[in-house]
Amino acid sequence: MGAMQIAIPVYPGFTATDAIGPYEVLSRLPGARTVFVAREPGLVESDTGFLRIEAQPLSAVAAPAIVVVPGGPTVRVPTGDAVLLDWLRAVDRTSTWTASVCTGALLLGAAGLLRGVDATTHWEDLDRLAGFDATAVEARYVFHGKRVTAAGVSAGFDMALALAARIAGDLVAQSIQLGIEYDPQPPFRAGSPRSAPPEVLARVRSRERG
């Protein structure tokens, strides 16, 4: 496998794991070369304010093989950023895979890349996703042609492993999984609105709306 450029665009307020989860997986593919890019190059601050990623300018990456768009708190996802949306449309024309994690799907939607596409996002934003003429699906991750979308935050690991398998085969993907010891065993059954206790669901909904 030859060199394969993977571009991860970040912006002020992105969620770190949305970007770092897929990075941990996909950067281990044979020939992978990962670059973080942003409208304003330099250090880009995540939604917590404690983690920053150094990014190159969007113009530095013109034709990546893979694009992975991270999400962030809904109010901070720059769906009106014409420069970023133009870049997404441009790189999608030649990408092999265009992917998103969590509310990153809203950026793909705002760029017009999910019209008529089965796609997913964070469970609280499925209605917003449908507003971009996507077919919103409740799933951990969804493949539709070359478009790949993942549900909230941690789903980026699952999506990236599934994508790695499509690119390099199950053996490589499973070897990456073992190498990073991705073996989730959460102490609670609260990771989905379908399994979380009602009081937990109410608390999260209140926080998100607040």
N, C-alpha and C. Protein backbone atom coordinates (compact mmCIF):
# COMPACT_ATOMS: atom_id res chain seq x y z
N MET A 1 0.85 -1.20 0.00
CA MET A 1 0.00 0.00 0.00
C MET A 1 0.88 1.24 0.00
N GLY A 2 0.63 2.17 -0.92
CA GLY A 2 1.42 3.38 -1.01
C GLY A 2 1.02 4.40 0.03
N ALA A 3 1.61 5.59 -0.10
CA ALA A 3 1.30 6.66 0.85
C ALA A 3 -0.18 7.03 0.77
N MET A 4 -0.77 7.25 1.92
CA MET A 4 -2.20 7.57 2.00
C MET A 4 -2.37 8.72 2.97
N GLN A 5 -2.75 9.86 2.46
CA GLN A 5 -2.91 11.03 3.31
C GLN A 5 -4.29 11.05 3.95
N ILE A 6 -4.30 11.28 5.26
CA ILE A 6 -5.53 11.37 6.04
C ILE A 6 -5.59 12.77 6.62
N ALA A 7 -6.65 13.50 6.31
CA ALA A 7 -6.80 14.87 6.80
C ALA A 7 -7.90 14.93 7.85
N ILE A 8 -7.59 15.57 8.96
CA ILE A 8 -8.56 15.77 10.04
C ILE A 8 -8.69 17.27 10.28
N PRO A 9 -9.77 17.89 9.79
CA PRO A 9 -9.95 19.33 10.02
C PRO A 9 -10.46 19.60 11.43
N VAL A 10 -9.82 20.54 12.11
CA VAL A 10 -10.25 20.91 13.45
C VAL A 10 -10.61 22.39 13.48
N TYR A 11 -11.31 22.79 14.51
CA TYR A 11 -11.79 24.16 14.65
C TYR A 11 -11.96 24.44 16.13
N PRO A 12 -11.97 25.70 16.55
CA PRO A 12 -12.12 26.01 17.98
C PRO A 12 -13.39 25.38 18.55
N GLY A 13 -13.22 24.56 19.59
CA GLY A 13 -14.36 23.93 20.22
C GLY A 13 -14.63 22.51 19.76
N PHE A 14 -13.72 21.94 18.95
CA PHE A 14 -13.90 20.54 18.55
C PHE A 14 -13.74 19.63 19.77
N THR A 15 -14.35 18.45 19.70
CA THR A 15 -14.21 17.48 20.78
C THR A 15 -12.99 16.62 20.51
N ALA A 16 -12.08 16.57 21.47
CA ALA A 16 -10.77 15.95 21.25
C ALA A 16 -10.87 14.50 20.80
N THR A 17 -11.68 13.70 21.48
CA THR A 17 -11.75 12.27 21.15
C THR A 17 -12.32 12.04 19.76
N ASP A 18 -13.19 12.94 19.29
CA ASP A 18 -13.71 12.81 17.93
C ASP A 18 -12.58 12.80 16.92
N ALA A 19 -11.53 13.56 17.19
CA ALA A 19 -10.38 13.64 16.29
C ALA A 19 -9.33 12.59 16.62
N ILE A 20 -9.05 12.43 17.92
CA ILE A 20 -7.94 11.57 18.34
C ILE A 20 -8.29 10.09 18.23
N GLY A 21 -9.56 9.73 18.46
CA GLY A 21 -9.95 8.33 18.34
C GLY A 21 -9.65 7.77 16.96
N PRO A 22 -10.22 8.36 15.89
CA PRO A 22 -9.89 7.89 14.54
C PRO A 22 -8.41 8.02 14.20
N TYR A 23 -7.77 9.08 14.71
CA TYR A 23 -6.34 9.25 14.48
C TYR A 23 -5.56 8.05 15.03
N GLU A 24 -5.89 7.62 16.24
CA GLU A 24 -5.17 6.50 16.85
C GLU A 24 -5.28 5.24 16.00
N VAL A 25 -6.42 5.05 15.37
CA VAL A 25 -6.63 3.85 14.55
C VAL A 25 -6.05 4.03 13.16
N LEU A 26 -6.48 5.05 12.46
CA LEU A 26 -6.14 5.18 11.05
C LEU A 26 -4.68 5.53 10.81
N SER A 27 -4.05 6.20 11.76
CA SER A 27 -2.63 6.54 11.59
C SER A 27 -1.74 5.30 11.60
N ARG A 28 -2.29 4.17 12.06
CA ARG A 28 -1.54 2.93 12.11
C ARG A 28 -1.71 2.07 10.86
N LEU A 29 -2.48 2.55 9.90
CA LEU A 29 -2.60 1.84 8.63
C LEU A 29 -1.28 1.92 7.86
N PRO A 30 -0.93 0.87 7.13
CA PRO A 30 0.31 0.92 6.33
C PRO A 30 0.28 2.09 5.35
N GLY A 31 1.33 2.89 5.37
CA GLY A 31 1.45 4.01 4.44
C GLY A 31 0.68 5.25 4.84
N ALA A 32 0.02 5.24 5.98
CA ALA A 32 -0.80 6.38 6.39
C ALA A 32 0.07 7.57 6.78
N ARG A 33 -0.40 8.73 6.39
CA ARG A 33 0.25 9.99 6.79
C ARG A 33 -0.87 10.95 7.18
N THR A 34 -0.95 11.23 8.48
CA THR A 34 -2.07 12.01 9.01
C THR A 34 -1.68 13.46 9.21
N VAL A 35 -2.59 14.36 8.85
CA VAL A 35 -2.34 15.78 9.06
C VAL A 35 -3.61 16.42 9.61
N PHE A 36 -3.42 17.26 10.62
CA PHE A 36 -4.52 18.07 11.15
C PHE A 36 -4.48 19.42 10.44
N VAL A 37 -5.65 19.88 10.02
CA VAL A 37 -5.72 21.15 9.30
C VAL A 37 -6.80 22.02 9.93
N ALA A 38 -6.72 23.32 9.68
CA ALA A 38 -7.70 24.26 10.23
C ALA A 38 -7.72 25.52 9.39
N ARG A 39 -8.82 26.24 9.49
CA ARG A 39 -8.92 27.51 8.77
C ARG A 39 -7.84 28.46 9.26
N GLU A 40 -7.65 28.50 10.57
CA GLU A 40 -6.59 29.32 11.17
C GLU A 40 -5.51 28.38 11.67
N PRO A 41 -4.39 28.24 10.97
CA PRO A 41 -3.36 27.29 11.39
C PRO A 41 -2.74 27.67 12.72
N GLY A 42 -2.06 26.71 13.31
CA GLY A 42 -1.46 26.91 14.63
C GLY A 42 -2.17 26.04 15.64
N LEU A 43 -2.15 26.46 16.89
CA LEU A 43 -2.76 25.69 17.96
C LEU A 43 -4.27 25.94 17.98
N VAL A 44 -5.04 24.86 17.89
CA VAL A 44 -6.50 24.95 17.88
C VAL A 44 -7.01 24.30 19.16
N GLU A 45 -7.83 25.04 19.89
CA GLU A 45 -8.27 24.62 21.22
C GLU A 45 -9.53 23.77 21.15
N SER A 46 -9.54 22.68 21.93
CA SER A 46 -10.70 21.80 21.97
C SER A 46 -11.79 22.38 22.86
N ASP A 47 -12.91 21.66 22.94
CA ASP A 47 -14.06 22.20 23.68
C ASP A 47 -13.82 22.33 25.17
N THR A 48 -12.88 21.57 25.72
CA THR A 48 -12.61 21.69 27.16
C THR A 48 -11.71 22.88 27.47
N GLY A 49 -10.98 23.35 26.47
CA GLY A 49 -10.05 24.45 26.70
C GLY A 49 -8.70 24.02 27.23
N PHE A 50 -8.52 22.71 27.46
CA PHE A 50 -7.27 22.24 28.04
C PHE A 50 -6.38 21.51 27.05
N LEU A 51 -6.94 21.14 25.92
CA LEU A 51 -6.16 20.41 24.93
C LEU A 51 -6.15 21.19 23.63
N ARG A 52 -4.95 21.30 23.04
CA ARG A 52 -4.80 22.00 21.78
C ARG A 52 -4.07 21.11 20.79
N ILE A 53 -4.48 21.20 19.55
CA ILE A 53 -3.83 20.45 18.47
C ILE A 53 -3.22 21.45 17.51
N GLU A 54 -1.99 21.18 17.08
CA GLU A 54 -1.34 22.06 16.11
C GLU A 54 -1.78 21.65 14.71
N ALA A 55 -2.32 22.60 13.98
CA ALA A 55 -2.87 22.31 12.66
C ALA A 55 -2.20 23.14 11.58
N GLN A 56 -2.13 22.56 10.39
CA GLN A 56 -1.67 23.26 9.21
C GLN A 56 -2.86 23.97 8.56
N PRO A 57 -2.61 24.91 7.67
CA PRO A 57 -3.74 25.58 6.99
C PRO A 57 -4.47 24.61 6.06
N LEU A 58 -5.76 24.86 5.88
CA LEU A 58 -6.55 24.02 4.97
C LEU A 58 -5.90 23.93 3.60
N SER A 59 -5.32 25.03 3.17
CA SER A 59 -4.72 25.09 1.83
C SER A 59 -3.54 24.14 1.66
N ALA A 60 -2.99 23.64 2.77
CA ALA A 60 -1.84 22.75 2.70
C ALA A 60 -2.24 21.34 2.24
N VAL A 61 -3.54 21.05 2.29
CA VAL A 61 -4.03 19.71 1.92
C VAL A 61 -5.10 19.87 0.85
N ALA A 62 -4.79 19.38 -0.35
CA ALA A 62 -5.71 19.57 -1.47
C ALA A 62 -6.44 18.31 -1.88
N ALA A 63 -5.82 17.15 -1.67
CA ALA A 63 -6.43 15.91 -2.17
C ALA A 63 -6.14 14.73 -1.25
N PRO A 64 -6.61 14.77 -0.01
CA PRO A 64 -6.39 13.64 0.89
C PRO A 64 -7.19 12.42 0.45
N ALA A 65 -6.67 11.25 0.74
CA ALA A 65 -7.42 10.02 0.44
C ALA A 65 -8.59 9.86 1.40
N ILE A 66 -8.39 10.28 2.63
CA ILE A 66 -9.42 10.14 3.67
C ILE A 66 -9.57 11.47 4.39
N VAL A 67 -10.81 11.86 4.62
CA VAL A 67 -11.12 13.04 5.43
C VAL A 67 -11.97 12.57 6.60
N VAL A 68 -11.59 12.97 7.81
CA VAL A 68 -12.37 12.63 9.01
C VAL A 68 -12.70 13.92 9.73
N VAL A 69 -13.99 14.26 9.80
CA VAL A 69 -14.42 15.52 10.38
C VAL A 69 -14.92 15.28 11.80
N PRO A 70 -14.24 15.81 12.81
CA PRO A 70 -14.70 15.65 14.19
C PRO A 70 -15.84 16.60 14.51
N GLY A 71 -16.59 16.27 15.53
CA GLY A 71 -17.67 17.13 15.98
C GLY A 71 -17.25 17.93 17.20
N GLY A 72 -18.25 18.51 17.83
CA GLY A 72 -18.06 19.30 19.04
C GLY A 72 -19.43 19.62 19.59
N PRO A 73 -19.50 20.36 20.68
CA PRO A 73 -20.81 20.81 21.16
C PRO A 73 -21.56 21.50 20.03
N THR A 74 -22.82 21.18 19.87
CA THR A 74 -23.58 21.60 18.68
C THR A 74 -23.45 23.10 18.40
N VAL A 75 -23.49 23.90 19.44
CA VAL A 75 -23.46 25.35 19.24
C VAL A 75 -22.10 25.84 18.76
N ARG A 76 -21.07 24.97 18.85
CA ARG A 76 -19.73 25.38 18.44
C ARG A 76 -19.29 24.78 17.11
N VAL A 77 -20.13 23.96 16.52
CA VAL A 77 -19.80 23.37 15.22
C VAL A 77 -20.03 24.44 14.15
N PRO A 78 -18.99 24.81 13.40
CA PRO A 78 -19.08 25.97 12.51
C PRO A 78 -19.77 25.67 11.18
N THR A 79 -21.06 25.37 11.24
CA THR A 79 -21.79 25.01 10.04
C THR A 79 -21.99 26.19 9.09
N GLY A 80 -21.65 27.40 9.54
CA GLY A 80 -21.75 28.57 8.67
C GLY A 80 -20.41 29.05 8.14
N ASP A 81 -19.35 28.29 8.38
CA ASP A 81 -18.01 28.69 7.95
C ASP A 81 -17.83 28.35 6.47
N ALA A 82 -18.01 29.34 5.61
CA ALA A 82 -17.98 29.10 4.17
C ALA A 82 -16.63 28.57 3.70
N VAL A 83 -15.54 29.03 4.32
CA VAL A 83 -14.21 28.58 3.90
C VAL A 83 -14.04 27.09 4.19
N LEU A 84 -14.42 26.67 5.38
CA LEU A 84 -14.30 25.26 5.74
C LEU A 84 -15.23 24.40 4.87
N LEU A 85 -16.45 24.86 4.65
CA LEU A 85 -17.40 24.09 3.85
C LEU A 85 -16.92 23.97 2.41
N ASP A 86 -16.36 25.04 1.86
CA ASP A 86 -15.82 24.98 0.50
C ASP A 86 -14.68 23.96 0.42
N TRP A 87 -13.83 23.95 1.45
CA TRP A 87 -12.72 23.00 1.48
C TRP A 87 -13.25 21.57 1.53
N LEU A 88 -14.27 21.32 2.36
CA LEU A 88 -14.84 19.98 2.45
C LEU A 88 -15.41 19.53 1.11
N ARG A 89 -16.12 20.43 0.44
CA ARG A 89 -16.67 20.08 -0.87
C ARG A 89 -15.55 19.78 -1.87
N ALA A 90 -14.49 20.56 -1.81
CA ALA A 90 -13.39 20.39 -2.76
C ALA A 90 -12.67 19.06 -2.55
N VAL A 91 -12.32 18.75 -1.30
CA VAL A 91 -11.57 17.51 -1.05
C VAL A 91 -12.45 16.28 -1.22
N ASP A 92 -13.75 16.43 -1.02
CA ASP A 92 -14.64 15.29 -1.20
C ASP A 92 -14.70 14.85 -2.66
N ARG A 93 -14.43 15.77 -3.57
CA ARG A 93 -14.51 15.41 -4.99
C ARG A 93 -13.49 14.34 -5.35
N THR A 94 -12.37 14.29 -4.63
CA THR A 94 -11.32 13.33 -4.99
C THR A 94 -11.01 12.33 -3.86
N SER A 95 -11.63 12.48 -2.72
CA SER A 95 -11.33 11.57 -1.60
C SER A 95 -11.83 10.16 -1.90
N THR A 96 -11.17 9.19 -1.29
CA THR A 96 -11.65 7.81 -1.35
C THR A 96 -12.73 7.60 -0.31
N TRP A 97 -12.53 8.21 0.85
CA TRP A 97 -13.49 8.13 1.95
C TRP A 97 -13.66 9.51 2.57
N THR A 98 -14.89 9.88 2.85
CA THR A 98 -15.20 11.11 3.58
C THR A 98 -15.99 10.70 4.81
N ALA A 99 -15.44 10.96 5.99
CA ALA A 99 -16.01 10.44 7.23
C ALA A 99 -16.23 11.55 8.24
N SER A 100 -17.06 11.25 9.23
CA SER A 100 -17.28 12.19 10.34
C SER A 100 -17.53 11.42 11.61
N VAL A 101 -17.34 12.12 12.71
CA VAL A 101 -17.64 11.57 14.04
C VAL A 101 -18.57 12.55 14.74
N CYS A 102 -19.60 12.02 15.37
CA CYS A 102 -20.51 12.82 16.18
C CYS A 102 -21.09 13.97 15.34
N THR A 103 -21.09 15.17 15.87
CA THR A 103 -21.69 16.31 15.17
C THR A 103 -20.85 16.80 14.00
N GLY A 104 -19.73 16.15 13.74
CA GLY A 104 -19.00 16.44 12.50
C GLY A 104 -19.87 16.18 11.29
N ALA A 105 -20.87 15.29 11.45
CA ALA A 105 -21.80 15.02 10.35
C ALA A 105 -22.59 16.28 9.97
N LEU A 106 -22.79 17.18 10.93
CA LEU A 106 -23.50 18.42 10.62
C LEU A 106 -22.70 19.29 9.66
N LEU A 107 -21.38 19.22 9.77
CA LEU A 107 -20.53 19.95 8.82
C LEU A 107 -20.62 19.34 7.43
N LEU A 108 -20.60 18.01 7.36
CA LEU A 108 -20.77 17.36 6.06
C LEU A 108 -22.14 17.72 5.48
N GLY A 109 -23.15 17.73 6.35
CA GLY A 109 -24.48 18.08 5.90
C GLY A 109 -24.55 19.51 5.40
N ALA A 110 -23.94 20.44 6.16
CA ALA A 110 -23.96 21.85 5.76
C ALA A 110 -23.22 22.06 4.45
N ALA A 111 -22.25 21.19 4.16
CA ALA A 111 -21.51 21.28 2.90
C ALA A 111 -22.29 20.64 1.75
N GLY A 112 -23.45 20.07 2.05
CA GLY A 112 -24.26 19.44 1.01
C GLY A 112 -23.82 18.05 0.63
N LEU A 113 -23.02 17.41 1.49
CA LEU A 113 -22.44 16.11 1.15
C LEU A 113 -23.25 14.92 1.65
N LEU A 114 -24.35 15.19 2.34
CA LEU A 114 -25.15 14.09 2.88
C LEU A 114 -26.57 14.06 2.32
N ARG A 115 -26.82 14.78 1.25
CA ARG A 115 -28.17 14.77 0.67
C ARG A 115 -28.49 13.36 0.16
N GLY A 116 -29.58 12.79 0.68
CA GLY A 116 -29.98 11.46 0.26
C GLY A 116 -29.09 10.35 0.79
N VAL A 117 -28.25 10.68 1.75
CA VAL A 117 -27.29 9.71 2.29
C VAL A 117 -27.76 9.20 3.65
N ASP A 118 -27.68 7.89 3.86
CA ASP A 118 -27.91 7.34 5.19
C ASP A 118 -26.74 7.75 6.07
N ALA A 119 -27.02 8.36 7.22
CA ALA A 119 -25.94 8.89 8.05
C ALA A 119 -26.38 8.92 9.50
N THR A 120 -25.41 9.02 10.39
CA THR A 120 -25.71 9.12 11.81
C THR A 120 -24.87 10.21 12.44
N THR A 121 -25.19 10.51 13.69
CA THR A 121 -24.49 11.52 14.47
C THR A 121 -24.83 11.27 15.93
N HIS A 122 -24.47 12.19 16.79
CA HIS A 122 -24.85 12.06 18.20
C HIS A 122 -26.36 11.95 18.32
N TRP A 123 -26.85 11.15 19.25
CA TRP A 123 -28.28 10.85 19.34
C TRP A 123 -29.14 12.10 19.52
N GLU A 124 -28.57 13.15 20.11
CA GLU A 124 -29.37 14.36 20.31
C GLU A 124 -29.44 15.24 19.07
N ASP A 125 -28.68 14.89 18.04
CA ASP A 125 -28.62 15.74 16.86
C ASP A 125 -29.15 15.06 15.60
N LEU A 126 -29.82 13.93 15.77
CA LEU A 126 -30.34 13.22 14.60
C LEU A 126 -31.36 14.08 13.84
N ASP A 127 -32.19 14.83 14.56
CA ASP A 127 -33.15 15.70 13.88
C ASP A 127 -32.45 16.80 13.09
N ARG A 128 -31.39 17.34 13.65
CA ARG A 128 -30.63 18.37 12.94
C ARG A 128 -30.00 17.78 11.68
N LEU A 129 -29.52 16.57 11.79
CA LEU A 129 -28.91 15.92 10.63
C LEU A 129 -29.94 15.75 9.51
N ALA A 130 -31.14 15.34 9.88
CA ALA A 130 -32.20 15.17 8.89
C ALA A 130 -32.53 16.50 8.21
N GLY A 131 -32.27 17.60 8.90
CA GLY A 131 -32.51 18.92 8.31
C GLY A 131 -31.61 19.24 7.14
N PHE A 132 -30.54 18.44 6.97
CA PHE A 132 -29.65 18.62 5.82
C PHE A 132 -29.98 17.61 4.71
N ASP A 133 -31.21 17.09 4.74
CA ASP A 133 -31.68 16.14 3.73
C ASP A 133 -30.96 14.80 3.77
N ALA A 134 -30.33 14.49 4.90
CA ALA A 134 -29.77 13.16 5.10
C ALA A 134 -30.87 12.26 5.65
N THR A 135 -30.69 10.96 5.48
CA THR A 135 -31.56 9.99 6.13
C THR A 135 -30.91 9.61 7.44
N ALA A 136 -31.42 10.17 8.54
CA ALA A 136 -30.80 9.98 9.85
C ALA A 136 -31.07 8.56 10.35
N VAL A 137 -29.99 7.88 10.75
CA VAL A 137 -30.06 6.49 11.19
C VAL A 137 -29.48 6.39 12.59
N GLU A 138 -30.18 5.71 13.47
CA GLU A 138 -29.64 5.44 14.81
C GLU A 138 -28.76 4.21 14.71
N ALA A 139 -27.46 4.43 14.68
CA ALA A 139 -26.51 3.33 14.55
C ALA A 139 -25.16 3.80 15.08
N ARG A 140 -24.31 2.83 15.41
CA ARG A 140 -22.97 3.16 15.90
C ARG A 140 -22.17 3.84 14.80
N TYR A 141 -22.26 3.33 13.59
CA TYR A 141 -21.66 3.97 12.43
C TYR A 141 -22.40 3.49 11.20
N VAL A 142 -22.32 4.28 10.13
CA VAL A 142 -23.06 3.99 8.91
C VAL A 142 -22.15 4.21 7.70
N PHE A 143 -22.10 3.23 6.81
CA PHE A 143 -21.42 3.38 5.52
C PHE A 143 -22.49 3.61 4.46
N HIS A 144 -22.29 4.60 3.62
CA HIS A 144 -23.17 4.84 2.47
C HIS A 144 -22.27 5.31 1.34
N GLY A 145 -21.95 4.40 0.43
CA GLY A 145 -20.96 4.74 -0.59
C GLY A 145 -19.63 5.04 0.08
N LYS A 146 -19.05 6.17 -0.29
CA LYS A 146 -17.77 6.53 0.33
C LYS A 146 -17.93 7.39 1.58
N ARG A 147 -19.17 7.67 1.94
CA ARG A 147 -19.43 8.48 3.13
C ARG A 147 -19.58 7.56 4.34
N VAL A 148 -18.89 7.91 5.41
CA VAL A 148 -18.92 7.10 6.63
C VAL A 148 -19.16 8.04 7.81
N THR A 149 -20.22 7.79 8.56
CA THR A 149 -20.52 8.65 9.70
C THR A 149 -20.61 7.82 10.97
N ALA A 150 -20.18 8.39 12.06
CA ALA A 150 -20.21 7.70 13.35
C ALA A 150 -21.08 8.47 14.32
N ALA A 151 -21.64 7.76 15.28
CA ALA A 151 -22.44 8.39 16.34
C ALA A 151 -21.50 9.15 17.28
N GLY A 152 -21.94 9.40 18.49
CA GLY A 152 -21.21 10.29 19.38
C GLY A 152 -19.84 9.81 19.82
N VAL A 153 -18.88 10.69 19.78
CA VAL A 153 -17.54 10.64 20.38
C VAL A 153 -16.87 9.26 20.29
N SER A 154 -17.16 8.37 21.25
CA SER A 154 -16.45 7.09 21.31
C SER A 154 -16.73 6.21 20.11
N ALA A 155 -17.84 6.46 19.40
CA ALA A 155 -18.16 5.68 18.21
C ALA A 155 -17.11 5.88 17.11
N GLY A 156 -16.31 6.92 17.24
CA GLY A 156 -15.26 7.15 16.26
C GLY A 156 -14.25 6.02 16.22
N PHE A 157 -13.99 5.37 17.35
CA PHE A 157 -13.08 4.22 17.37
C PHE A 157 -13.66 3.09 16.53
N ASP A 158 -14.96 2.79 16.74
CA ASP A 158 -15.60 1.70 16.02
C ASP A 158 -15.61 1.97 14.53
N MET A 159 -16.00 3.18 14.17
CA MET A 159 -16.05 3.56 12.76
C MET A 159 -14.67 3.43 12.13
N ALA A 160 -13.65 3.92 12.81
CA ALA A 160 -12.30 3.90 12.26
C ALA A 160 -11.79 2.47 12.07
N LEU A 161 -12.12 1.59 12.99
CA LEU A 161 -11.71 0.19 12.84
C LEU A 161 -12.43 -0.46 11.67
N ALA A 162 -13.73 -0.17 11.52
CA ALA A 162 -14.47 -0.70 10.38
C ALA A 162 -13.92 -0.16 9.07
N LEU A 163 -13.55 1.10 9.07
CA LEU A 163 -12.96 1.71 7.88
C LEU A 163 -11.59 1.12 7.59
N ALA A 164 -10.79 0.91 8.63
CA ALA A 164 -9.48 0.29 8.46
C ALA A 164 -9.61 -1.09 7.83
N ALA A 165 -10.64 -1.83 8.22
CA ALA A 165 -10.86 -3.16 7.65
C ALA A 165 -11.20 -3.07 6.17
N ARG A 166 -12.00 -2.07 5.79
CA ARG A 166 -12.34 -1.91 4.38
C ARG A 166 -11.11 -1.55 3.55
N ILE A 167 -10.20 -0.79 4.16
CA ILE A 167 -9.02 -0.32 3.44
C ILE A 167 -7.93 -1.39 3.36
N ALA A 168 -7.67 -2.02 4.49
CA ALA A 168 -6.49 -2.90 4.58
C ALA A 168 -6.81 -4.34 4.98
N GLY A 169 -8.08 -4.65 5.19
CA GLY A 169 -8.45 -6.01 5.54
C GLY A 169 -8.63 -6.21 7.03
N ASP A 170 -9.37 -7.27 7.36
CA ASP A 170 -9.70 -7.55 8.76
C ASP A 170 -8.47 -7.81 9.61
N LEU A 171 -7.48 -8.49 9.06
CA LEU A 171 -6.29 -8.83 9.85
C LEU A 171 -5.57 -7.58 10.33
N VAL A 172 -5.41 -6.63 9.42
CA VAL A 172 -4.74 -5.37 9.79
C VAL A 172 -5.58 -4.62 10.82
N ALA A 173 -6.89 -4.54 10.57
CA ALA A 173 -7.75 -3.80 11.49
C ALA A 173 -7.76 -4.44 12.88
N GLN A 174 -7.82 -5.75 12.92
CA GLN A 174 -7.81 -6.43 14.22
C GLN A 174 -6.46 -6.28 14.92
N SER A 175 -5.40 -6.24 14.14
CA SER A 175 -4.07 -6.03 14.74
C SER A 175 -3.97 -4.64 15.34
N ILE A 176 -4.54 -3.65 14.65
CA ILE A 176 -4.58 -2.30 15.21
C ILE A 176 -5.40 -2.29 16.49
N GLN A 177 -6.54 -2.95 16.47
CA GLN A 177 -7.40 -3.01 17.65
C GLN A 177 -6.66 -3.62 18.84
N LEU A 178 -5.94 -4.69 18.61
CA LEU A 178 -5.20 -5.32 19.70
C LEU A 178 -4.05 -4.43 20.15
N GLY A 179 -3.39 -3.80 19.19
CA GLY A 179 -2.26 -2.94 19.53
C GLY A 179 -2.64 -1.79 20.45
N ILE A 180 -3.84 -1.22 20.23
CA ILE A 180 -4.28 -0.13 21.11
C ILE A 180 -5.14 -0.66 22.27
N GLU A 181 -5.26 -1.99 22.34
CA GLU A 181 -6.04 -2.67 23.38
C GLU A 181 -7.45 -2.06 23.51
N TYR A 182 -8.09 -1.96 22.37
CA TYR A 182 -9.47 -1.45 22.38
C TYR A 182 -10.40 -2.61 22.70
N ASP A 183 -10.77 -2.71 23.95
CA ASP A 183 -11.58 -3.82 24.46
C ASP A 183 -12.58 -3.25 25.46
N PRO A 184 -13.55 -2.47 24.99
CA PRO A 184 -14.42 -1.72 25.91
C PRO A 184 -15.20 -2.61 26.88
N GLN A 185 -15.11 -2.26 28.12
CA GLN A 185 -15.87 -2.95 29.16
C GLN A 185 -16.35 -1.90 30.16
N PRO A 186 -17.28 -1.04 29.74
CA PRO A 186 -17.71 0.06 30.62
C PRO A 186 -18.37 -0.44 31.89
N PRO A 187 -18.20 0.29 32.98
CA PRO A 187 -18.78 -0.15 34.25
C PRO A 187 -20.28 0.08 34.34
N PHE A 188 -20.85 0.82 33.41
CA PHE A 188 -22.28 1.12 33.44
C PHE A 188 -22.92 0.85 32.09
N ARG A 189 -24.22 0.60 32.09
CA ARG A 189 -24.99 0.51 30.85
C ARG A 189 -25.73 1.84 30.65
N ALA A 190 -24.94 2.87 30.47
CA ALA A 190 -25.52 4.21 30.34
C ALA A 190 -25.00 4.91 29.09
N GLY A 191 -24.45 4.16 28.14
CA GLY A 191 -23.83 4.76 26.98
C GLY A 191 -24.76 5.04 25.82
N SER A 192 -26.04 4.73 25.99
CA SER A 192 -27.02 4.94 24.93
C SER A 192 -28.31 5.43 25.56
N PRO A 193 -29.07 6.28 24.86
CA PRO A 193 -30.35 6.72 25.43
C PRO A 193 -31.33 5.56 25.60
N ARG A 194 -31.06 4.46 24.92
CA ARG A 194 -31.93 3.28 25.06
C ARG A 194 -31.63 2.48 26.32
N SER A 195 -30.41 2.60 26.84
CA SER A 195 -30.03 1.81 28.01
C SER A 195 -29.81 2.64 29.27
N ALA A 196 -29.63 3.94 29.13
CA ALA A 196 -29.35 4.79 30.29
C ALA A 196 -30.58 4.90 31.19
N PRO A 197 -30.39 4.95 32.51
CA PRO A 197 -31.51 5.18 33.42
C PRO A 197 -32.19 6.51 33.10
N PRO A 198 -33.50 6.61 33.32
CA PRO A 198 -34.24 7.83 32.97
C PRO A 198 -33.65 9.10 33.57
N GLU A 199 -33.17 9.02 34.83
CA GLU A 199 -32.64 10.22 35.46
C GLU A 199 -31.33 10.67 34.80
N VAL A 200 -30.57 9.71 34.28
CA VAL A 200 -29.33 10.05 33.57
C VAL A 200 -29.67 10.71 32.23
N LEU A 201 -30.63 10.14 31.54
CA LEU A 201 -31.05 10.71 30.27
C LEU A 201 -31.56 12.14 30.45
N ALA A 202 -32.34 12.35 31.48
CA ALA A 202 -32.88 13.69 31.75
C ALA A 202 -31.76 14.66 32.08
N ARG A 203 -30.77 14.19 32.82
CA ARG A 203 -29.65 15.07 33.21
C ARG A 203 -28.84 15.51 32.00
N VAL A 204 -28.59 14.57 31.11
CA VAL A 204 -27.79 14.89 29.92
C VAL A 204 -28.59 15.82 28.99
N ARG A 205 -29.86 15.53 28.82
CA ARG A 205 -30.68 16.40 27.97
C ARG A 205 -30.74 17.82 28.52
N SER A 206 -30.83 17.95 29.82
CA SER A 206 -30.87 19.26 30.45
C SER A 206 -29.57 20.00 30.24
N ARG A 207 -28.46 19.28 30.37
CA ARG A 207 -27.14 19.89 30.19
C ARG A 207 -26.95 20.34 28.77
N GLU A 208 -27.32 19.50 27.81
CA GLU A 208 -27.13 19.83 26.40
C GLU A 208 -27.97 21.05 26.02
N ARG A 209 -29.18 21.13 26.51
CA ARG A 209 -30.04 22.24 26.14
C ARG A 209 -29.62 23.52 26.84
N GLY A 210 -28.99 23.34 28.02
CA GLY A 210 -28.55 24.51 28.75
C GLY A 210 -27.33 25.14 28.17
